[in-house]
PDB file of N, CA and C in Angstrom:
ATOM      1  N   MET A   1     -99.716  75.192-208.017  1.00  0.00           N
ATOM      2  CA  MET A   1     -98.332  74.827-208.137  1.00  0.00           C
ATOM      3  C   MET A   1     -97.691  75.742-209.174  1.00  0.00           C
ATOM      4  N   ARG A   2     -96.544  76.253-208.861  1.00  0.00           N
ATOM      5  CA  ARG A   2     -95.831  77.113-209.794  1.00  0.00           C
ATOM      6  C   ARG A   2     -95.239  76.286-210.933  1.00  0.00           C
ATOM      7  N   LYS A   3     -94.896  76.984-212.011  1.00  0.00           N
ATOM      8  CA  LYS A   3     -94.333  76.287-213.166  1.00  0.00           C
ATOM      9  C   LYS A   3     -93.033  75.576-212.820  1.00  0.00           C
ATOM     10  N   GLY A   4     -92.189  76.221-212.048  1.00  0.00           N
ATOM     11  CA  GLY A   4     -90.927  75.612-211.649  1.00  0.00           C
ATOM     12  C   GLY A   4     -91.124  74.366-210.803  1.00  0.00           C
ATOM     13  N   GLN A   5     -92.084  74.421-209.896  1.00  0.00           N
ATOM     14  CA  GLN A   5     -92.380  73.273-209.059  1.00  0.00           C
ATOM     15  C   GLN A   5     -92.968  72.139-209.893  1.00  0.00           C
ATOM     16  N   ARG A   6     -93.792  72.490-210.850  1.00  0.00           N
ATOM     17  CA  ARG A   6     -94.396  71.480-211.727  1.00  0.00           C
ATOM     18  C   ARG A   6     -93.316  70.791-212.565  1.00  0.00           C
ATOM     19  N   LYS A   7     -92.379  71.587-213.063  1.00  0.00           N
ATOM     20  CA  LYS A   7     -91.290  71.025-213.854  1.00  0.00           C
ATOM     21  C   LYS A   7     -90.431  70.103-212.987  1.00  0.00           C
ATOM     22  N   LEU A   8     -90.167  70.509-211.746  1.00  0.00           N
ATOM     23  CA  LEU A   8     -89.401  69.679-210.826  1.00  0.00           C
ATOM     24  C   LEU A   8     -90.139  68.376-210.518  1.00  0.00           C
ATOM     25  N   ALA A   9     -91.449  68.461-210.327  1.00  0.00           N
ATOM     26  CA  ALA A   9     -92.253  67.263-210.076  1.00  0.00           C
ATOM     27  C   ALA A   9     -92.212  66.325-211.276  1.00  0.00           C
ATOM     28  N   ASP A  10     -92.299  66.868-212.480  1.00  0.00           N
ATOM     29  CA  ASP A  10     -92.206  66.041-213.688  1.00  0.00           C
ATOM     30  C   ASP A  10     -90.842  65.374-213.792  1.00  0.00           C
ATOM     31  N   ASN A  11     -89.795  66.083-213.397  1.00  0.00           N
ATOM     32  CA  ASN A  11     -88.454  65.503-213.410  1.00  0.00           C
ATOM     33  C   ASN A  11     -88.342  64.343-212.421  1.00  0.00           C
ATOM     34  N   TYR A  12     -88.962  64.487-211.249  1.00  0.00           N
ATOM     35  CA  TYR A  12     -88.954  63.397-210.275  1.00  0.00           C
ATOM     36  C   TYR A  12     -89.695  62.177-210.815  1.00  0.00           C
ATOM     37  N   ILE A  13     -90.801  62.401-211.506  1.00  0.00           N
ATOM     38  CA  ILE A  13     -91.559  61.287-212.090  1.00  0.00           C
ATOM     39  C   ILE A  13     -90.699  60.551-213.119  1.00  0.00           C
ATOM     40  N   ARG A  14     -90.009  61.298-213.967  1.00  0.00           N
ATOM     41  CA  ARG A  14     -89.127  60.670-214.964  1.00  0.00           C
ATOM     42  C   ARG A  14     -87.974  59.932-214.291  1.00  0.00           C
ATOM     43  N   LEU A  15     -87.426  60.512-213.231  1.00  0.00           N
ATOM     44  CA  LEU A  15     -86.340  59.881-212.488  1.00  0.00           C
ATOM     45  C   LEU A  15     -86.795  58.557-211.883  1.00  0.00           C
ATOM     46  N   LEU A  16     -87.983  58.550-211.309  1.00  0.00           N
ATOM     47  CA  LEU A  16     -88.509  57.320-210.733  1.00  0.00           C
ATOM     48  C   LEU A  16     -88.727  56.257-211.809  1.00  0.00           C
ATOM     49  N   SER A  17     -89.194  56.661-212.963  1.00  0.00           N
ATOM     50  CA  SER A  17     -89.400  55.703-214.054  1.00  0.00           C
ATOM     51  C   SER A  17     -88.086  55.067-214.490  1.00  0.00           C
ATOM     52  N   ARG A  18     -87.034  55.880-214.596  1.00  0.00           N
ATOM     53  CA  ARG A  18     -85.728  55.333-214.973  1.00  0.00           C
ATOM     54  C   ARG A  18     -85.175  54.421-213.876  1.00  0.00           C
ATOM     55  N   ALA A  19     -85.417  54.779-212.627  1.00  0.00           N
ATOM     56  CA  ALA A  19     -84.952  53.951-211.517  1.00  0.00           C
ATOM     57  C   ALA A  19     -85.665  52.596-211.524  1.00  0.00           C
ATOM     58  N   HIS A  20     -86.927  52.589-211.918  1.00  0.00           N
ATOM     59  CA  HIS A  20     -87.664  51.328-211.992  1.00  0.00           C
ATOM     60  C   HIS A  20     -87.084  50.412-213.063  1.00  0.00           C
ATOM     61  N   ASP A  21     -86.663  51.003-214.184  1.00  0.00           N
ATOM     62  CA  ASP A  21     -86.029  50.201-215.233  1.00  0.00           C
ATOM     63  C   ASP A  21     -84.751  49.549-214.695  1.00  0.00           C
ATOM     64  N   GLY A  22     -83.943  50.322-213.992  1.00  0.00           N
ATOM     65  CA  GLY A  22     -82.723  49.789-213.401  1.00  0.00           C
ATOM     66  C   GLY A  22     -83.006  48.743-212.333  1.00  0.00           C
ATOM     67  N   LEU A  23     -84.064  48.959-211.559  1.00  0.00           N
ATOM     68  CA  LEU A  23     -84.445  48.010-210.521  1.00  0.00           C
ATOM     69  C   LEU A  23     -84.851  46.674-211.129  1.00  0.00           C
ATOM     70  N   LYS A  24     -85.608  46.732-212.207  1.00  0.00           N
ATOM     71  CA  LYS A  24     -86.048  45.504-212.882  1.00  0.00           C
ATOM     72  C   LYS A  24     -84.837  44.709-213.376  1.00  0.00           C
ATOM     73  N   LYS A  25     -83.875  45.401-213.969  1.00  0.00           N
ATOM     74  CA  LYS A  25     -82.672  44.723-214.460  1.00  0.00           C
ATOM     75  C   LYS A  25     -81.862  44.141-213.307  1.00  0.00           C
ATOM     76  N   ALA A  26     -81.722  44.905-212.224  1.00  0.00           N
ATOM     77  CA  ALA A  26     -80.933  44.442-211.078  1.00  0.00           C
ATOM     78  C   ALA A  26     -81.571  43.216-210.432  1.00  0.00           C
ATOM     79  N   LEU A  27     -82.898  43.227-210.302  1.00  0.00           N
ATOM     80  CA  LEU A  27     -83.579  42.066-209.716  1.00  0.00           C
ATOM     81  C   LEU A  27     -83.478  40.853-210.627  1.00  0.00           C
ATOM     82  N   ALA A  28     -83.588  41.061-211.924  1.00  0.00           N
ATOM     83  CA  ALA A  28     -83.503  39.950-212.870  1.00  0.00           C
ATOM     84  C   ALA A  28     -82.106  39.321-212.858  1.00  0.00           C
ATOM     85  N   LEU A  29     -81.091  40.139-212.652  1.00  0.00           N
ATOM     86  CA  LEU A  29     -79.711  39.637-212.637  1.00  0.00           C
ATOM     87  C   LEU A  29     -79.270  39.156-211.260  1.00  0.00           C
ATOM     88  N   GLY A  30     -80.112  39.360-210.253  1.00  0.00           N
ATOM     89  CA  GLY A  30     -79.770  38.935-208.902  1.00  0.00           C
ATOM     90  C   GLY A  30     -78.817  39.877-208.186  1.00  0.00           C
ATOM     91  N   ARG A  31     -78.706  41.090-208.641  1.00  0.00           N
ATOM     92  CA  ARG A  31     -77.834  42.098-208.013  1.00  0.00           C
ATOM     93  C   ARG A  31     -78.620  42.826-206.919  1.00  0.00           C
ATOM     94  N   HIS A  32     -78.733  42.181-205.786  1.00  0.00           N
ATOM     95  CA  HIS A  32     -79.576  42.711-204.718  1.00  0.00           C
ATOM     96  C   HIS A  32     -79.006  43.963-204.074  1.00  0.00           C
ATOM     97  N   ASP A  33     -77.688  44.134-204.074  1.00  0.00           N
ATOM     98  CA  ASP A  33     -77.106  45.340-203.512  1.00  0.00           C
ATOM     99  C   ASP A  33     -77.484  46.568-204.347  1.00  0.00           C
ATOM    100  N   ILE A  34     -77.471  46.427-205.654  1.00  0.00           N
ATOM    101  CA  ILE A  34     -77.872  47.528-206.536  1.00  0.00           C
ATOM    102  C   ILE A  34     -79.364  47.795-206.400  1.00  0.00           C
ATOM    103  N   ALA A  35     -80.148  46.728-206.302  1.00  0.00           N
ATOM    104  CA  ALA A  35     -81.594  46.879-206.162  1.00  0.00           C
ATOM    105  C   ALA A  35     -81.952  47.614-204.871  1.00  0.00           C
ATOM    106  N   LYS A  36     -81.277  47.286-203.778  1.00  0.00           N
ATOM    107  CA  LYS A  36     -81.556  47.960-202.509  1.00  0.00           C
ATOM    108  C   LYS A  36     -81.184  49.436-202.583  1.00  0.00           C
ATOM    109  N   ASP A  37     -80.076  49.742-203.236  1.00  0.00           N
ATOM    110  CA  ASP A  37     -79.665  51.134-203.401  1.00  0.00           C
ATOM    111  C   ASP A  37     -80.688  51.911-204.239  1.00  0.00           C
ATOM    112  N   LEU A  38     -81.158  51.303-205.319  1.00  0.00           N
ATOM    113  CA  LEU A  38     -82.168  51.959-206.157  1.00  0.00           C
ATOM    114  C   LEU A  38     -83.481  52.166-205.402  1.00  0.00           C
ATOM    115  N   LEU A  39     -83.853  51.201-204.577  1.00  0.00           N
ATOM    116  CA  LEU A  39     -85.072  51.350-203.786  1.00  0.00           C
ATOM    117  C   LEU A  39     -84.951  52.495-202.787  1.00  0.00           C
ATOM    118  N   GLU A  40     -83.779  52.646-202.183  1.00  0.00           N
ATOM    119  CA  GLU A  40     -83.563  53.776-201.271  1.00  0.00           C
ATOM    120  C   GLU A  40     -83.699  55.099-202.013  1.00  0.00           C
ATOM    121  N   GLN A  41     -83.122  55.158-203.201  1.00  0.00           N
ATOM    122  CA  GLN A  41     -83.208  56.378-203.996  1.00  0.00           C
ATOM    123  C   GLN A  41     -84.641  56.655-204.444  1.00  0.00           C
ATOM    124  N   CYS A  42     -85.389  55.609-204.768  1.00  0.00           N
ATOM    125  CA  CYS A  42     -86.792  55.790-205.144  1.00  0.00           C
ATOM    126  C   CYS A  42     -87.598  56.357-203.984  1.00  0.00           C
ATOM    127  N   GLN A  43     -87.354  55.835-202.805  1.00  0.00           N
ATOM    128  CA  GLN A  43     -88.087  56.325-201.643  1.00  0.00           C
ATOM    129  C   GLN A  43     -87.730  57.774-201.335  1.00  0.00           C
ATOM    130  N   ASP A  44     -86.461  58.121-201.430  1.00  0.00           N
ATOM    131  CA  ASP A  44     -86.060  59.510-201.210  1.00  0.00           C
ATOM    132  C   ASP A  44     -86.703  60.447-202.227  1.00  0.00           C
ATOM    133  N   ALA A  45     -86.713  60.031-203.492  1.00  0.00           N
ATOM    134  CA  ALA A  45     -87.319  60.864-204.541  1.00  0.00           C
ATOM    135  C   ALA A  45     -88.818  61.027-204.300  1.00  0.00           C
ATOM    136  N   ALA A  46     -89.488  59.959-203.876  1.00  0.00           N
ATOM    137  CA  ALA A  46     -90.922  60.041-203.608  1.00  0.00           C
ATOM    138  C   ALA A  46     -91.208  60.961-202.423  1.00  0.00           C
ATOM    139  N   ILE A  47     -90.348  60.931-201.422  1.00  0.00           N
ATOM    140  CA  ILE A  47     -90.524  61.808-200.259  1.00  0.00           C
ATOM    141  C   ILE A  47     -90.340  63.270-200.676  1.00  0.00           C
ATOM    142  N   HIS A  48     -89.335  63.543-201.489  1.00  0.00           N
ATOM    143  CA  HIS A  48     -89.118  64.914-201.963  1.00  0.00           C
ATOM    144  C   HIS A  48     -90.277  65.378-202.834  1.00  0.00           C
ATOM    145  N   LEU A  49     -90.767  64.498-203.698  1.00  0.00           N
ATOM    146  CA  LEU A  49     -91.905  64.845-204.543  1.00  0.00           C
ATOM    147  C   LEU A  49     -93.137  65.143-203.692  1.00  0.00           C
ATOM    148  N   GLY A  50     -93.364  64.329-202.664  1.00  0.00           N
ATOM    149  CA  GLY A  50     -94.485  64.575-201.754  1.00  0.00           C
ATOM    150  C   GLY A  50     -94.342  65.901-201.037  1.00  0.00           C
ATOM    151  N   GLY A  51     -93.117  66.260-200.670  1.00  0.00           N
ATOM    152  CA  GLY A  51     -92.881  67.554-200.026  1.00  0.00           C
ATOM    153  C   GLY A  51     -93.190  68.718-200.944  1.00  0.00           C
ATOM    154  N   ILE A  52     -92.815  68.597-202.201  1.00  0.00           N
ATOM    155  CA  ILE A  52     -93.107  69.650-203.183  1.00  0.00           C
ATOM    156  C   ILE A  52     -94.610  69.824-203.333  1.00  0.00           C
ATOM    157  N   ILE A  53     -95.320  68.721-203.444  1.00  0.00           N
ATOM    158  CA  ILE A  53     -96.773  68.789-203.621  1.00  0.00           C
ATOM    159  C   ILE A  53     -97.441  69.324-202.363  1.00  0.00           C
ATOM    160  N   GLU A  54     -96.953  68.902-201.202  1.00  0.00           N
ATOM    161  CA  GLU A  54     -97.530  69.354-199.937  1.00  0.00           C
ATOM    162  C   GLU A  54     -97.373  70.854-199.756  1.00  0.00           C
ATOM    163  N   ILE A  55     -96.212  71.377-200.120  1.00  0.00           N
ATOM    164  CA  ILE A  55     -95.964  72.804-199.966  1.00  0.00           C
ATOM    165  C   ILE A  55     -96.819  73.612-200.938  1.00  0.00           C
ATOM    166  N   SER A  56     -96.889  73.168-202.173  1.00  0.00           N
ATOM    167  CA  SER A  56     -97.565  73.963-203.192  1.00  0.00           C
ATOM    168  C   SER A  56     -99.074  73.755-203.220  1.00  0.00           C
ATOM    169  N   GLU A  57     -99.530  72.576-202.905  1.00  0.00           N
ATOM    170  CA  GLU A  57    -100.965  72.293-202.954  1.00  0.00           C
ATOM    171  C   GLU A  57    -101.529  72.250-201.537  1.00  0.00           C
ATOM    172  N   SER A  58    -101.785  71.048-201.061  1.00  0.00           N
ATOM    173  CA  SER A  58    -102.258  70.870-199.690  1.00  0.00           C
ATOM    174  C   SER A  58    -102.024  69.423-199.291  1.00  0.00           C
ATOM    175  N   ASP A  59    -102.288  69.131-198.019  1.00  0.00           N
ATOM    176  CA  ASP A  59    -102.131  67.760-197.531  1.00  0.00           C
ATOM    177  C   ASP A  59    -103.199  66.839-198.092  1.00  0.00           C
ATOM    178  N   LYS A  60    -104.285  67.402-198.581  1.00  0.00           N
ATOM    179  CA  LYS A  60    -105.421  66.605-199.031  1.00  0.00           C
ATOM    180  C   LYS A  60    -105.338  66.224-200.501  1.00  0.00           C
ATOM    181  N   ASN A  61    -104.257  66.556-201.147  1.00  0.00           N
ATOM    182  CA  ASN A  61    -104.073  66.181-202.553  1.00  0.00           C
ATOM    183  C   ASN A  61    -103.992  64.657-202.627  1.00  0.00           C
ATOM    184  N   PRO A  62    -104.730  64.022-203.552  1.00  0.00           N
ATOM    185  CA  PRO A  62    -104.722  62.552-203.636  1.00  0.00           C
ATOM    186  C   PRO A  62    -103.350  61.973-203.989  1.00  0.00           C
ATOM    187  N   CYS A  63    -102.495  62.789-204.534  1.00  0.00           N
ATOM    188  CA  CYS A  63    -101.161  62.321-204.895  1.00  0.00           C
ATOM    189  C   CYS A  63    -100.337  62.009-203.649  1.00  0.00           C
ATOM    190  N   ILE A  64    -100.572  62.707-202.556  1.00  0.00           N
ATOM    191  CA  ILE A  64     -99.836  62.474-201.315  1.00  0.00           C
ATOM    192  C   ILE A  64    -100.116  61.056-200.805  1.00  0.00           C
ATOM    193  N   ALA A  65    -101.375  60.665-200.780  1.00  0.00           N
ATOM    194  CA  ALA A  65    -101.731  59.318-200.319  1.00  0.00           C
ATOM    195  C   ALA A  65    -101.143  58.261-201.244  1.00  0.00           C
ATOM    196  N   LEU A  66    -101.145  58.533-202.533  1.00  0.00           N
ATOM    197  CA  LEU A  66    -100.580  57.592-203.500  1.00  0.00           C
ATOM    198  C   LEU A  66     -99.074  57.443-203.305  1.00  0.00           C
ATOM    199  N   LEU A  67     -98.387  58.543-203.030  1.00  0.00           N
ATOM    200  CA  LEU A  67     -96.953  58.479-202.794  1.00  0.00           C
ATOM    201  C   LEU A  67     -96.629  57.753-201.484  1.00  0.00           C
ATOM    202  N   GLU A  68     -97.483  57.882-200.484  1.00  0.00           N
ATOM    203  CA  GLU A  68     -97.290  57.137-199.244  1.00  0.00           C
ATOM    204  C   GLU A  68     -97.443  55.641-199.497  1.00  0.00           C
ATOM    205  N   GLU A  69     -98.425  55.278-200.308  1.00  0.00           N
ATOM    206  CA  GLU A  69     -98.619  53.879-200.689  1.00  0.00           C
ATOM    207  C   GLU A  69     -97.411  53.373-201.488  1.00  0.00           C
ATOM    208  N   TYR A  70     -96.882  54.216-202.349  1.00  0.00           N
ATOM    209  CA  TYR A  70     -95.700  53.876-203.137  1.00  0.00           C
ATOM    210  C   TYR A  70     -94.506  53.607-202.213  1.00  0.00           C
ATOM    211  N   CYS A  71     -94.304  54.482-201.233  1.00  0.00           N
ATOM    212  CA  CYS A  71     -93.190  54.299-200.295  1.00  0.00           C
ATOM    213  C   CYS A  71     -93.342  52.998-199.514  1.00  0.00           C
ATOM    214  N   GLU A  72     -94.562  52.659-199.160  1.00  0.00           N
ATOM    215  CA  GLU A  72     -94.804  51.395-198.453  1.00  0.00           C
ATOM    216  C   GLU A  72     -94.474  50.205-199.351  1.00  0.00           C
ATOM    217  N   ALA A  73     -94.841  50.265-200.619  1.00  0.00           N
ATOM    218  CA  ALA A  73     -94.527  49.181-201.554  1.00  0.00           C
ATOM    219  C   ALA A  73     -93.015  49.047-201.740  1.00  0.00           C
ATOM    220  N   VAL A  74     -92.327  50.173-201.831  1.00  0.00           N
ATOM    221  CA  VAL A  74     -90.866  50.148-201.957  1.00  0.00           C
ATOM    222  C   VAL A  74     -90.246  49.513-200.713  1.00  0.00           C
ATOM    223  N   TYR A  75     -90.753  49.870-199.556  1.00  0.00           N
ATOM    224  CA  TYR A  75     -90.240  49.309-198.306  1.00  0.00           C
ATOM    225  C   TYR A  75     -90.454  47.792-198.252  1.00  0.00           C
ATOM    226  N   GLN A  76     -91.626  47.332-198.692  1.00  0.00           N
ATOM    227  CA  GLN A  76     -91.912  45.896-198.679  1.00  0.00           C
ATOM    228  C   GLN A  76     -90.943  45.131-199.579  1.00  0.00           C
ATOM    229  N   ILE A  77     -90.658  45.680-200.749  1.00  0.00           N
ATOM    230  CA  ILE A  77     -89.699  45.041-201.657  1.00  0.00           C
ATOM    231  C   ILE A  77     -88.313  45.029-201.029  1.00  0.00           C
ATOM    232  N   TYR A  78     -87.944  46.137-200.414  1.00  0.00           N
ATOM    233  CA  TYR A  78     -86.638  46.240-199.746  1.00  0.00           C
ATOM    234  C   TYR A  78     -86.507  45.178-198.657  1.00  0.00           C
ATOM    235  N   GLU A  79     -87.548  45.009-197.874  1.00  0.00           N
ATOM    236  CA  GLU A  79     -87.531  44.023-196.797  1.00  0.00           C
ATOM    237  C   GLU A  79     -87.447  42.603-197.344  1.00  0.00           C
ATOM    238  N   LYS A  80     -88.140  42.321-198.433  1.00  0.00           N
ATOM    239  CA  LYS A  80     -88.068  40.990-199.036  1.00  0.00           C
ATOM    240  C   LYS A  80     -86.647  40.694-199.518  1.00  0.00           C
ATOM    241  N   ILE A  81     -86.004  41.696-200.071  1.00  0.00           N
ATOM    242  CA  ILE A  81     -84.620  41.512-200.506  1.00  0.00           C
ATOM    243  C   ILE A  81     -83.734  41.248-199.289  1.00  0.00           C
ATOM    244  N   GLY A  82     -83.948  41.989-198.217  1.00  0.00           N
ATOM    245  CA  GLY A  82     -83.166  41.812-197.002  1.00  0.00           C
ATOM    246  C   GLY A  82     -83.346  40.435-196.380  1.00  0.00           C
ATOM    247  N   ARG A  83     -84.543  39.857-196.494  1.00  0.00           N
ATOM    248  CA  ARG A  83     -84.808  38.520-195.959  1.00  0.00           C
ATOM    249  C   ARG A  83     -84.496  37.422-196.965  1.00  0.00           C
ATOM    250  N   LYS A  84     -83.962  37.837-198.119  1.00  0.00           N
ATOM    251  CA  LYS A  84     -83.563  36.911-199.186  1.00  0.00           C
ATOM    252  C   LYS A  84     -84.738  36.085-199.698  1.00  0.00           C
ATOM    253  N   GLN A  85     -85.922  36.726-199.763  1.00  0.00           N
ATOM    254  CA  GLN A  85     -87.084  36.065-200.345  1.00  0.00           C
ATOM    255  C   GLN A  85     -87.078  36.280-201.853  1.00  0.00           C
ATOM    256  N   ARG A  86     -87.750  35.381-202.556  1.00  0.00           N
ATOM    257  CA  ARG A  86     -87.824  35.494-204.003  1.00  0.00           C
ATOM    258  C   ARG A  86     -88.761  36.645-204.373  1.00  0.00           C
ATOM    259  N   ILE A  87     -88.321  37.463-205.325  1.00  0.00           N
ATOM    260  CA  ILE A  87     -89.112  38.605-205.786  1.00  0.00           C
ATOM    261  C   ILE A  87     -89.282  38.483-207.292  1.00  0.00           C
ATOM    262  N   ASP A  88     -90.521  38.598-207.736  1.00  0.00           N
ATOM    263  CA  ASP A  88     -90.789  38.601-209.170  1.00  0.00           C
ATOM    264  C   ASP A  88     -90.485  40.008-209.691  1.00  0.00           C
ATOM    265  N   ALA A  89     -89.450  40.126-210.511  1.00  0.00           N
ATOM    266  CA  ALA A  89     -88.989  41.432-210.988  1.00  0.00           C
ATOM    267  C   ALA A  89     -90.064  42.133-211.807  1.00  0.00           C
ATOM    268  N   ASN A  90     -90.759  41.384-212.661  1.00  0.00           N
ATOM    269  CA  ASN A  90     -91.787  41.998-213.507  1.00  0.00           C
ATOM    270  C   ASN A  90     -92.967  42.506-212.690  1.00  0.00           C
ATOM    271  N   LYS A  91     -93.372  41.728-211.694  1.00  0.00           N
ATOM    272  CA  LYS A  91     -94.509  42.135-210.859  1.00  0.00           C
ATOM    273  C   LYS A  91     -94.162  43.384-210.044  1.00  0.00           C
ATOM    274  N   ALA A  92     -92.971  43.401-209.461  1.00  0.00           N
ATOM    275  CA  ALA A  92     -92.544  44.568-208.676  1.00  0.00           C
ATOM    276  C   ALA A  92     -92.452  45.794-209.575  1.00  0.00           C
ATOM    277  N   TYR A  93     -91.881  45.612-210.766  1.00  0.00           N
ATOM    278  CA  TYR A  93     -91.738  46.711-211.720  1.00  0.00           C
ATOM    279  C   TYR A  93     -93.106  47.275-212.112  1.00  0.00           C
ATOM    280  N   LYS A  94     -94.038  46.393-212.457  1.00  0.00           N
ATOM    281  CA  LYS A  94     -95.369  46.844-212.892  1.00  0.00           C
ATOM    282  C   LYS A  94     -96.113  47.557-211.774  1.00  0.00           C
ATOM    283  N   ASN A  95     -96.000  47.039-210.556  1.00  0.00           N
ATOM    284  CA  ASN A  95     -96.698  47.647-209.425  1.00  0.00           C
ATOM    285  C   ASN A  95     -96.173  49.054-209.134  1.00  0.00           C
ATOM    286  N   LEU A  96     -94.848  49.192-209.063  1.00  0.00           N
ATOM    287  CA  LEU A  96     -94.258  50.507-208.786  1.00  0.00           C
ATOM    288  C   LEU A  96     -94.512  51.476-209.928  1.00  0.00           C
ATOM    289  N   ARG A  97     -94.370  50.997-211.144  1.00  0.00           N
ATOM    290  CA  ARG A  97     -94.570  51.845-212.328  1.00  0.00           C
ATOM    291  C   ARG A  97     -96.003  52.355-212.403  1.00  0.00           C
ATOM    292  N   LYS A  98     -96.969  51.477-212.075  1.00  0.00           N
ATOM    293  CA  LYS A  98     -98.375  51.866-212.103  1.00  0.00           C
ATOM    294  C   LYS A  98     -98.642  53.023-211.142  1.00  0.00           C
ATOM    295  N   MET A  99     -98.067  52.936-209.944  1.00  0.00           N
ATOM    296  CA  MET A  99     -98.289  53.991-208.957  1.00  0.00           C
ATOM    297  C   MET A  99     -97.651  55.308-209.388  1.00  0.00           C
ATOM    298  N   VAL A 100     -96.477  55.235-209.990  1.00  0.00           N
ATOM    299  CA  VAL A 100     -95.804  56.461-210.440  1.00  0.00           C
ATOM    300  C   VAL A 100     -96.555  57.085-211.619  1.00  0.00           C
ATOM    301  N   ILE A 101     -97.073  56.273-212.509  1.00  0.00           N
ATOM    302  CA  ILE A 101     -97.856  56.807-213.628  1.00  0.00           C
ATOM    303  C   ILE A 101     -99.116  57.487-213.108  1.00  0.00           C
ATOM    304  N   GLN A 102     -99.777  56.880-212.124  1.00  0.00           N
ATOM    305  CA  GLN A 102    -100.959  57.498-211.530  1.00  0.00           C
ATOM    306  C   GLN A 102    -100.609  58.826-210.876  1.00  0.00           C
ATOM    307  N   ALA A 103     -99.496  58.871-210.160  1.00  0.00           N
ATOM    308  CA  ALA A 103     -99.072  60.121-209.525  1.00  0.00           C
ATOM    309  C   ALA A 103     -98.772  61.179-210.581  1.00  0.00           C
ATOM    310  N   GLY A 104     -98.115  60.786-211.666  1.00  0.00           N
ATOM    311  CA  GLY A 104     -97.834  61.725-212.755  1.00  0.00           C
ATOM    312  C   GLY A 104     -99.099  62.255-213.391  1.00  0.00           C
ATOM    313  N   ASN A 105    -100.099  61.388-213.553  1.00  0.00           N
ATOM    314  CA  ASN A 105    -101.374  61.832-214.129  1.00  0.00           C
ATOM    315  C   ASN A 105    -102.101  62.793-213.202  1.00  0.00           C
ATOM    316  N   ILE A 106    -102.041  62.546-211.902  1.00  0.00           N
ATOM    317  CA  ILE A 106    -102.668  63.463-210.951  1.00  0.00           C
ATOM    318  C   ILE A 106    -101.978  64.822-211.006  1.00  0.00           C
ATOM    319  N   ILE A 107    -100.659  64.815-211.052  1.00  0.00           N
ATOM    320  CA  ILE A 107     -99.921  66.079-211.116  1.00  0.00           C
ATOM    321  C   ILE A 107    -100.246  66.813-212.407  1.00  0.00           C
ATOM    322  N   LYS A 108    -100.306  66.080-213.503  1.00  0.00           N
ATOM    323  CA  LYS A 108    -100.546  66.705-214.802  1.00  0.00           C
ATOM    324  C   LYS A 108    -101.967  67.242-214.942  1.00  0.00           C
ATOM    325  N   ASN A 109    -102.946  66.475-214.460  1.00  0.00           N
ATOM    326  CA  ASN A 109    -104.341  66.816-214.729  1.00  0.00           C
ATOM    327  C   ASN A 109    -105.062  67.523-213.587  1.00  0.00           C
ATOM    328  N   ASP A 110    -104.710  67.233-212.348  1.00  0.00           N
ATOM    329  CA  ASP A 110    -105.495  67.731-211.222  1.00  0.00           C
ATOM    330  C   ASP A 110    -104.870  68.887-210.462  1.00  0.00           C
ATOM    331  N   THR A 111    -103.669  69.279-210.816  1.00  0.00           N
ATOM    332  CA  THR A 111    -103.061  70.416-210.128  1.00  0.00           C
ATOM    333  C   THR A 111    -103.064  71.629-211.049  1.00  0.00           C
ATOM    334  N   ASP A 112    -103.329  72.750-210.466  1.00  0.00           N
ATOM    335  CA  ASP A 112    -103.352  73.994-211.226  1.00  0.00           C
ATOM    336  C   ASP A 112    -101.960  74.591-211.256  1.00  0.00           C
ATOM    337  N   THR A 113    -101.578  75.064-212.433  1.00  0.00           N
ATOM    338  CA  THR A 113    -100.291  75.730-212.576  1.00  0.00           C
ATOM    339  C   THR A 113    -100.520  77.231-212.508  1.00  0.00           C
ATOM    340  N   ARG A 114     -99.807  77.870-211.608  1.00  0.00           N
ATOM    341  CA  ARG A 114     -99.949  79.319-211.435  1.00  0.00           C
ATOM    342  C   ARG A 114     -98.748  80.022-212.042  1.00  0.00           C
ATOM    343  N   THR A 115     -99.034  81.136-212.647  1.00  0.00           N
ATOM    344  CA  THR A 115     -97.981  82.014-213.126  1.00  0.00           C
ATOM    345  C   THR A 115     -97.991  83.239-212.233  1.00  0.00           C
ATOM    346  N   GLU A 116     -96.858  83.541-211.669  1.00  0.00           N
ATOM    347  CA  GLU A 116     -96.763  84.709-210.806  1.00  0.00           C
ATOM    348  C   GLU A 116     -95.994  85.795-211.539  1.00  0.00           C
ATOM    349  N   ALA A 117     -96.487  87.012-211.422  1.00  0.00           N
ATOM    350  CA  ALA A 117     -95.847  88.147-212.084  1.00  0.00           C
ATOM    351  C   ALA A 117     -95.527  89.214-211.049  1.00  0.00           C
ATOM    352  N   VAL A 118     -94.431  89.891-211.280  1.00  0.00           N
ATOM    353  CA  VAL A 118     -94.013  90.978-210.408  1.00  0.00           C
ATOM    354  C   VAL A 118     -93.989  92.240-211.251  1.00  0.00           C
ATOM    355  N   PHE A 119     -94.656  93.285-210.779  1.00  0.00           N
ATOM    356  CA  PHE A 119     -94.681  94.553-211.471  1.00  0.00           C
ATOM    357  C   PHE A 119     -93.768  95.533-210.736  1.00  0.00           C
ATOM    358  N   LEU A 120     -92.776  95.997-211.421  1.00  0.00           N
ATOM    359  CA  LEU A 120     -91.836  96.936-210.855  1.00  0.00           C
ATOM    360  C   LEU A 120     -91.989  98.281-211.548  1.00  0.00           C
ATOM    361  N   PRO A 121     -92.139  99.335-210.782  1.00  0.00           N
ATOM    362  CA  PRO A 121     -92.283 100.655-211.412  1.00  0.00           C
ATOM    363  C   PRO A 121     -90.958 101.084-212.042  1.00  0.00           C
ATOM    364  N   TYR A 122     -91.080 101.688-213.202  1.00  0.00           N
ATOM    365  CA  TYR A 122     -89.890 102.143-213.903  1.00  0.00           C
ATOM    366  C   TYR A 122     -89.445 103.497-213.371  1.00  0.00           C
ATOM    367  N   LYS A 123     -90.407 104.349-213.225  1.00  0.00           N
ATOM    368  CA  LYS A 123     -90.066 105.700-212.807  1.00  0.00           C
ATOM    369  C   LYS A 123     -91.096 106.152-211.775  1.00  0.00           C
ATOM    370  N   PHE A 124     -90.636 106.446-210.610  1.00  0.00           N
ATOM    371  CA  PHE A 124     -91.541 106.874-209.558  1.00  0.00           C
ATOM    372  C   PHE A 124     -91.382 108.383-209.364  1.00  0.00           C
ATOM    373  N   SER A 125     -92.503 109.084-209.484  1.00  0.00           N
ATOM    374  CA  SER A 125     -92.421 110.518-209.269  1.00  0.00           C
ATOM    375  C   SER A 125     -93.622 111.018-208.513  1.00  0.00           C
TER     376      SER A 125
END
């Protein structure tokens, strides 16, 4: 993974963490419209993060499977909100946060960062 891609992946991880904080507050206050919007944004961010990892690493990176599991958990919460079922805000927050922290640790520890250099001749004779 290139440095720029790694930095972008780290930004997505931080974005997801902030979205989880907002989701917890929205669920606690009963603002289901805001919670559904945040869940959509979380899923989009996870899909983009998975695309970055897929392009730079491979399909077999364990982070891809973890992000798919994360998207499924987000979808389940979204569906519960749509069916007006009771959702424990703390449990949902901890579950989503745990998966994002694991994905961040995989990106930080298990992916190699490559530096690419371009050599341009100054004077050709």
